[in-house]
């Protein structure tokens, strides 16, 4: 017998309907992990609803989050527009303020 507090894993087909999915269903809908969704909800990036002890999401909010992160293939990425190139170590290098070469991570 299943544990009464264990949430049912929901497939994408089951979760792609209007309504308020649980965190497990919302994560499945986005093809992400539950912990990833928890971080995004806690940071305020993805809105959620709390009813008693239940946490629910709205499919339209999940869709809006995805749309906000759409990448236009005709617009170069920020590092490409700046002329910075990725070196062998995987980091971008650029000319420093006084002409010296400096290596660093990409700021996100």
N, C-alpha and C. Protein backbone atom coordinates (compact mmCIF):
# COMPACT_ATOMS: atom_id res chain seq x y z
N UNK A 1 0.84 -1.19 0.00
CA UNK A 1 0.00 0.00 0.00
C UNK A 1 0.88 1.25 0.00
N UNK A 2 0.49 2.22 -0.80
CA UNK A 2 1.27 3.45 -0.91
C UNK A 2 1.14 4.29 0.36
N UNK A 3 2.20 5.02 0.65
CA UNK A 3 2.20 5.92 1.79
C UNK A 3 1.18 7.02 1.55
N UNK A 4 0.33 7.38 2.53
CA UNK A 4 -0.74 8.34 2.29
C UNK A 4 -0.25 9.76 1.95
N UNK A 5 0.97 10.13 2.37
CA UNK A 5 1.48 11.47 2.08
C UNK A 5 2.31 11.52 0.80
N UNK A 6 2.56 10.37 0.19
CA UNK A 6 3.37 10.33 -1.03
C UNK A 6 2.55 10.84 -2.21
N UNK A 7 3.13 11.80 -2.95
CA UNK A 7 2.42 12.36 -4.09
C UNK A 7 2.56 11.45 -5.30
N UNK A 8 1.52 11.38 -6.10
CA UNK A 8 1.52 10.59 -7.32
C UNK A 8 2.34 11.33 -8.38
N UNK A 9 3.21 10.62 -9.09
CA UNK A 9 3.96 11.21 -10.19
C UNK A 9 2.99 11.31 -11.37
N UNK A 10 2.93 12.49 -11.95
CA UNK A 10 1.98 12.77 -13.02
C UNK A 10 2.74 12.94 -14.32
N UNK A 11 2.25 12.32 -15.37
CA UNK A 11 2.90 12.46 -16.67
C UNK A 11 2.55 13.81 -17.28
N UNK A 12 3.30 14.21 -18.29
CA UNK A 12 3.07 15.50 -18.95
C UNK A 12 1.66 15.55 -19.54
N UNK A 13 1.20 14.45 -20.11
CA UNK A 13 -0.14 14.44 -20.71
C UNK A 13 -1.20 14.71 -19.66
N UNK A 14 -1.05 14.13 -18.47
CA UNK A 14 -2.03 14.34 -17.41
C UNK A 14 -1.98 15.75 -16.86
N UNK A 15 -0.80 16.39 -16.90
CA UNK A 15 -0.65 17.69 -16.28
C UNK A 15 -0.83 18.85 -17.24
N UNK A 16 -1.08 18.59 -18.52
CA UNK A 16 -1.17 19.68 -19.50
C UNK A 16 -2.60 20.18 -19.65
N UNK A 17 -3.35 20.20 -18.61
CA UNK A 17 -4.72 20.67 -18.64
C UNK A 17 -4.84 21.92 -17.76
N UNK A 18 -5.90 22.70 -17.93
CA UNK A 18 -6.09 23.86 -17.06
C UNK A 18 -6.26 23.40 -15.62
N UNK A 19 -5.77 24.17 -14.70
CA UNK A 19 -5.94 23.81 -13.30
C UNK A 19 -4.75 24.20 -12.47
N UNK A 20 -4.63 23.57 -11.33
CA UNK A 20 -3.61 23.90 -10.35
C UNK A 20 -2.81 22.64 -9.99
N UNK A 21 -1.68 22.42 -10.67
CA UNK A 21 -0.90 21.21 -10.38
C UNK A 21 -0.13 21.31 -9.06
N UNK A 22 0.13 20.17 -8.48
CA UNK A 22 0.99 20.07 -7.30
C UNK A 22 2.43 20.33 -7.73
N UNK A 23 3.35 20.50 -6.77
CA UNK A 23 4.75 20.68 -7.15
C UNK A 23 5.30 19.55 -8.02
N UNK A 24 4.92 18.31 -7.73
CA UNK A 24 5.40 17.17 -8.53
C UNK A 24 4.88 17.27 -9.95
N UNK A 25 3.60 17.58 -10.11
CA UNK A 25 3.02 17.69 -11.45
C UNK A 25 3.58 18.90 -12.20
N UNK A 26 3.79 20.01 -11.48
CA UNK A 26 4.34 21.22 -12.11
C UNK A 26 5.77 20.97 -12.59
N UNK A 27 6.57 20.28 -11.78
CA UNK A 27 7.94 19.95 -12.17
C UNK A 27 7.94 19.04 -13.40
N UNK A 28 7.05 18.06 -13.41
CA UNK A 28 6.94 17.15 -14.56
C UNK A 28 6.52 17.92 -15.82
N UNK A 29 5.61 18.85 -15.66
CA UNK A 29 5.14 19.67 -16.78
C UNK A 29 6.28 20.45 -17.41
N UNK A 30 7.21 20.95 -16.57
CA UNK A 30 8.36 21.70 -17.05
C UNK A 30 9.57 20.83 -17.40
N UNK A 31 9.45 19.53 -17.17
CA UNK A 31 10.56 18.58 -17.36
C UNK A 31 11.76 18.96 -16.50
N UNK A 32 11.50 19.37 -15.27
CA UNK A 32 12.53 19.76 -14.32
C UNK A 32 12.34 18.95 -13.04
N UNK A 33 13.32 19.05 -12.14
CA UNK A 33 13.21 18.33 -10.88
C UNK A 33 12.36 19.11 -9.89
N UNK A 34 11.88 18.40 -8.91
CA UNK A 34 11.09 19.04 -7.84
C UNK A 34 11.94 20.07 -7.10
N UNK A 35 13.22 19.77 -6.83
CA UNK A 35 14.08 20.71 -6.10
C UNK A 35 14.32 21.97 -6.92
N UNK A 36 14.46 21.85 -8.24
CA UNK A 36 14.63 23.03 -9.10
C UNK A 36 13.40 23.93 -8.99
N UNK A 37 12.21 23.32 -9.07
CA UNK A 37 10.98 24.08 -8.97
C UNK A 37 10.85 24.75 -7.60
N UNK A 38 11.22 24.03 -6.54
CA UNK A 38 11.17 24.61 -5.19
C UNK A 38 12.05 25.85 -5.10
N UNK A 39 13.26 25.79 -5.67
CA UNK A 39 14.16 26.96 -5.64
C UNK A 39 13.56 28.13 -6.40
N UNK A 40 12.99 27.87 -7.56
CA UNK A 40 12.39 28.94 -8.37
C UNK A 40 11.18 29.55 -7.66
N UNK A 41 10.41 28.73 -6.97
CA UNK A 41 9.24 29.23 -6.24
C UNK A 41 9.68 30.06 -5.03
N UNK A 42 10.67 29.56 -4.28
CA UNK A 42 11.16 30.29 -3.10
C UNK A 42 11.79 31.63 -3.48
N UNK A 43 12.44 31.69 -4.64
CA UNK A 43 13.08 32.93 -5.07
C UNK A 43 12.08 33.92 -5.66
N UNK A 44 10.85 33.47 -5.90
CA UNK A 44 9.83 34.35 -6.46
C UNK A 44 9.79 34.35 -7.97
N UNK A 45 10.62 33.53 -8.62
CA UNK A 45 10.64 33.49 -10.08
C UNK A 45 9.40 32.83 -10.66
N UNK A 46 8.86 31.86 -9.94
CA UNK A 46 7.64 31.19 -10.36
C UNK A 46 6.62 31.34 -9.24
N UNK A 47 5.48 31.99 -9.52
CA UNK A 47 4.47 32.17 -8.47
C UNK A 47 3.84 30.84 -8.07
N UNK A 48 3.40 30.77 -6.83
CA UNK A 48 2.70 29.59 -6.35
C UNK A 48 1.60 30.01 -5.39
N UNK A 49 0.75 29.09 -5.05
CA UNK A 49 -0.39 29.34 -4.18
C UNK A 49 -0.31 28.38 -3.01
N UNK A 50 -0.60 28.88 -1.82
CA UNK A 50 -0.59 28.03 -0.64
C UNK A 50 -2.01 28.02 -0.08
N UNK A 51 -2.57 26.84 -0.01
CA UNK A 51 -3.90 26.65 0.57
C UNK A 51 -3.72 25.65 1.70
N UNK A 52 -3.74 26.15 2.92
CA UNK A 52 -3.43 25.30 4.06
C UNK A 52 -1.98 24.87 3.96
N UNK A 53 -1.76 23.56 3.98
CA UNK A 53 -0.41 23.03 3.82
C UNK A 53 -0.08 22.68 2.38
N UNK A 54 -1.06 22.80 1.51
CA UNK A 54 -0.87 22.44 0.11
C UNK A 54 -0.23 23.59 -0.66
N UNK A 55 0.69 23.25 -1.54
CA UNK A 55 1.30 24.21 -2.46
C UNK A 55 0.84 23.84 -3.86
N UNK A 56 0.33 24.83 -4.56
CA UNK A 56 -0.18 24.61 -5.91
C UNK A 56 0.41 25.64 -6.86
N UNK A 57 0.45 25.28 -8.12
CA UNK A 57 0.92 26.18 -9.17
C UNK A 57 -0.21 26.35 -10.17
N UNK A 58 -0.05 27.28 -11.08
CA UNK A 58 -1.03 27.50 -12.13
C UNK A 58 -0.32 27.27 -13.46
N UNK A 59 -0.93 26.47 -14.33
CA UNK A 59 -0.28 26.17 -15.61
C UNK A 59 0.05 27.44 -16.38
N UNK A 60 -0.81 28.43 -16.34
CA UNK A 60 -0.53 29.68 -17.08
C UNK A 60 0.70 30.38 -16.51
N UNK A 61 0.95 30.29 -15.19
CA UNK A 61 2.16 30.87 -14.61
C UNK A 61 3.41 30.10 -15.06
N UNK A 62 3.29 28.78 -15.16
CA UNK A 62 4.42 27.96 -15.62
C UNK A 62 4.72 28.27 -17.08
N UNK A 63 3.66 28.40 -17.88
CA UNK A 63 3.85 28.74 -19.30
C UNK A 63 4.48 30.12 -19.45
N UNK A 64 4.06 31.08 -18.61
CA UNK A 64 4.62 32.43 -18.67
C UNK A 64 6.11 32.41 -18.32
N UNK A 65 6.51 31.59 -17.34
CA UNK A 65 7.92 31.48 -16.98
C UNK A 65 8.73 30.97 -18.18
N UNK A 66 8.22 29.96 -18.84
CA UNK A 66 8.92 29.41 -20.00
C UNK A 66 9.02 30.46 -21.10
N UNK A 67 7.95 31.18 -21.36
CA UNK A 67 7.97 32.21 -22.40
C UNK A 67 8.97 33.32 -22.09
N UNK A 68 9.15 33.66 -20.82
CA UNK A 68 10.12 34.69 -20.43
C UNK A 68 11.54 34.26 -20.76
N UNK A 69 11.77 32.96 -20.89
CA UNK A 69 13.12 32.45 -21.12
C UNK A 69 13.31 31.97 -22.56
N UNK A 70 12.44 32.42 -23.44
CA UNK A 70 12.56 32.07 -24.85
C UNK A 70 13.81 32.73 -25.42
N UNK A 71 14.55 31.98 -26.21
CA UNK A 71 15.76 32.49 -26.84
C UNK A 71 15.47 32.71 -28.32
N UNK A 72 15.73 33.93 -28.78
CA UNK A 72 15.54 34.26 -30.19
C UNK A 72 16.82 33.88 -30.93
N UNK A 73 16.74 32.95 -31.87
CA UNK A 73 17.96 32.50 -32.56
C UNK A 73 18.60 33.60 -33.41
N UNK A 74 17.88 34.68 -33.71
CA UNK A 74 18.43 35.75 -34.53
C UNK A 74 19.16 36.81 -33.72
N UNK A 75 19.11 36.71 -32.40
CA UNK A 75 19.78 37.68 -31.54
C UNK A 75 20.99 36.99 -30.92
N UNK A 76 22.20 37.54 -31.13
CA UNK A 76 23.38 36.88 -30.55
C UNK A 76 23.36 36.95 -29.03
N UNK A 77 23.94 35.94 -28.41
CA UNK A 77 24.05 35.93 -26.95
C UNK A 77 24.92 37.10 -26.51
N UNK A 78 24.78 37.51 -25.25
CA UNK A 78 25.49 38.69 -24.74
C UNK A 78 27.00 38.57 -24.94
N UNK A 79 27.57 37.38 -24.69
CA UNK A 79 29.02 37.25 -24.83
C UNK A 79 29.45 37.31 -26.30
N UNK A 80 28.57 36.90 -27.22
CA UNK A 80 28.91 36.99 -28.63
C UNK A 80 28.87 38.44 -29.11
N UNK A 81 27.91 39.21 -28.62
CA UNK A 81 27.78 40.61 -29.02
C UNK A 81 28.95 41.44 -28.48
N UNK A 82 29.52 41.03 -27.35
CA UNK A 82 30.61 41.80 -26.76
C UNK A 82 31.96 41.47 -27.40
N UNK A 83 32.00 40.45 -28.24
CA UNK A 83 33.26 40.08 -28.88
C UNK A 83 34.14 39.19 -28.01
N UNK A 84 33.65 38.79 -26.86
CA UNK A 84 34.44 37.93 -25.98
C UNK A 84 34.46 36.52 -26.53
N UNK A 85 35.56 35.84 -26.35
CA UNK A 85 35.71 34.48 -26.85
C UNK A 85 36.00 33.53 -25.69
N UNK A 86 35.50 32.32 -25.81
CA UNK A 86 35.72 31.30 -24.79
C UNK A 86 37.07 30.64 -25.05
N UNK A 87 37.90 30.55 -24.02
CA UNK A 87 39.22 29.94 -24.13
C UNK A 87 39.18 28.44 -23.93
N UNK A 88 40.35 27.79 -23.92
CA UNK A 88 40.44 26.35 -23.74
C UNK A 88 39.91 25.90 -22.38
N UNK A 89 40.01 26.78 -21.39
CA UNK A 89 39.55 26.42 -20.05
C UNK A 89 38.04 26.59 -19.89
N UNK A 90 37.34 27.00 -20.93
CA UNK A 90 35.90 27.16 -20.88
C UNK A 90 35.44 28.51 -20.37
N UNK A 91 36.39 29.36 -19.99
CA UNK A 91 36.05 30.68 -19.49
C UNK A 91 36.19 31.71 -20.61
N UNK A 92 35.49 32.82 -20.46
CA UNK A 92 35.61 33.89 -21.43
C UNK A 92 36.81 34.74 -21.07
N UNK A 93 37.54 35.19 -22.07
CA UNK A 93 38.64 36.11 -21.80
C UNK A 93 38.35 37.40 -22.56
N UNK A 94 38.78 38.49 -21.99
CA UNK A 94 38.57 39.80 -22.61
C UNK A 94 39.73 40.69 -22.24
N UNK A 95 39.82 41.83 -22.89
CA UNK A 95 40.84 42.79 -22.54
C UNK A 95 40.40 43.54 -21.30
N UNK A 96 41.30 43.69 -20.37
CA UNK A 96 41.02 44.42 -19.14
C UNK A 96 41.00 45.92 -19.38
N UNK A 97 40.83 46.67 -18.31
CA UNK A 97 40.70 48.11 -18.40
C UNK A 97 41.94 48.76 -18.99
N UNK A 98 43.14 48.26 -18.69
CA UNK A 98 44.39 48.86 -19.16
C UNK A 98 45.07 48.02 -20.22
N UNK A 99 44.29 47.24 -20.98
CA UNK A 99 44.84 46.48 -22.07
C UNK A 99 45.36 45.09 -21.69
N UNK A 100 45.40 44.78 -20.39
CA UNK A 100 45.87 43.45 -20.00
C UNK A 100 44.77 42.42 -20.22
N UNK A 101 45.19 41.19 -20.47
CA UNK A 101 44.23 40.12 -20.67
C UNK A 101 43.75 39.64 -19.32
N UNK A 102 42.45 39.40 -19.19
CA UNK A 102 41.91 38.88 -17.93
C UNK A 102 40.95 37.75 -18.24
N UNK A 103 40.94 36.73 -17.41
CA UNK A 103 40.03 35.61 -17.56
C UNK A 103 39.00 35.68 -16.46
N UNK A 104 37.79 35.23 -16.77
CA UNK A 104 36.75 35.23 -15.74
C UNK A 104 35.51 34.50 -16.20
N UNK A 105 34.68 34.22 -15.26
CA UNK A 105 33.40 33.56 -15.52
C UNK A 105 32.43 34.57 -16.09
N UNK A 106 31.42 34.07 -16.76
CA UNK A 106 30.36 34.93 -17.26
C UNK A 106 29.43 35.25 -16.12
N UNK A 107 29.15 36.51 -15.89
CA UNK A 107 28.21 36.90 -14.84
C UNK A 107 26.80 36.59 -15.32
N UNK A 108 26.03 35.96 -14.46
CA UNK A 108 24.64 35.65 -14.83
C UNK A 108 23.69 36.54 -14.11
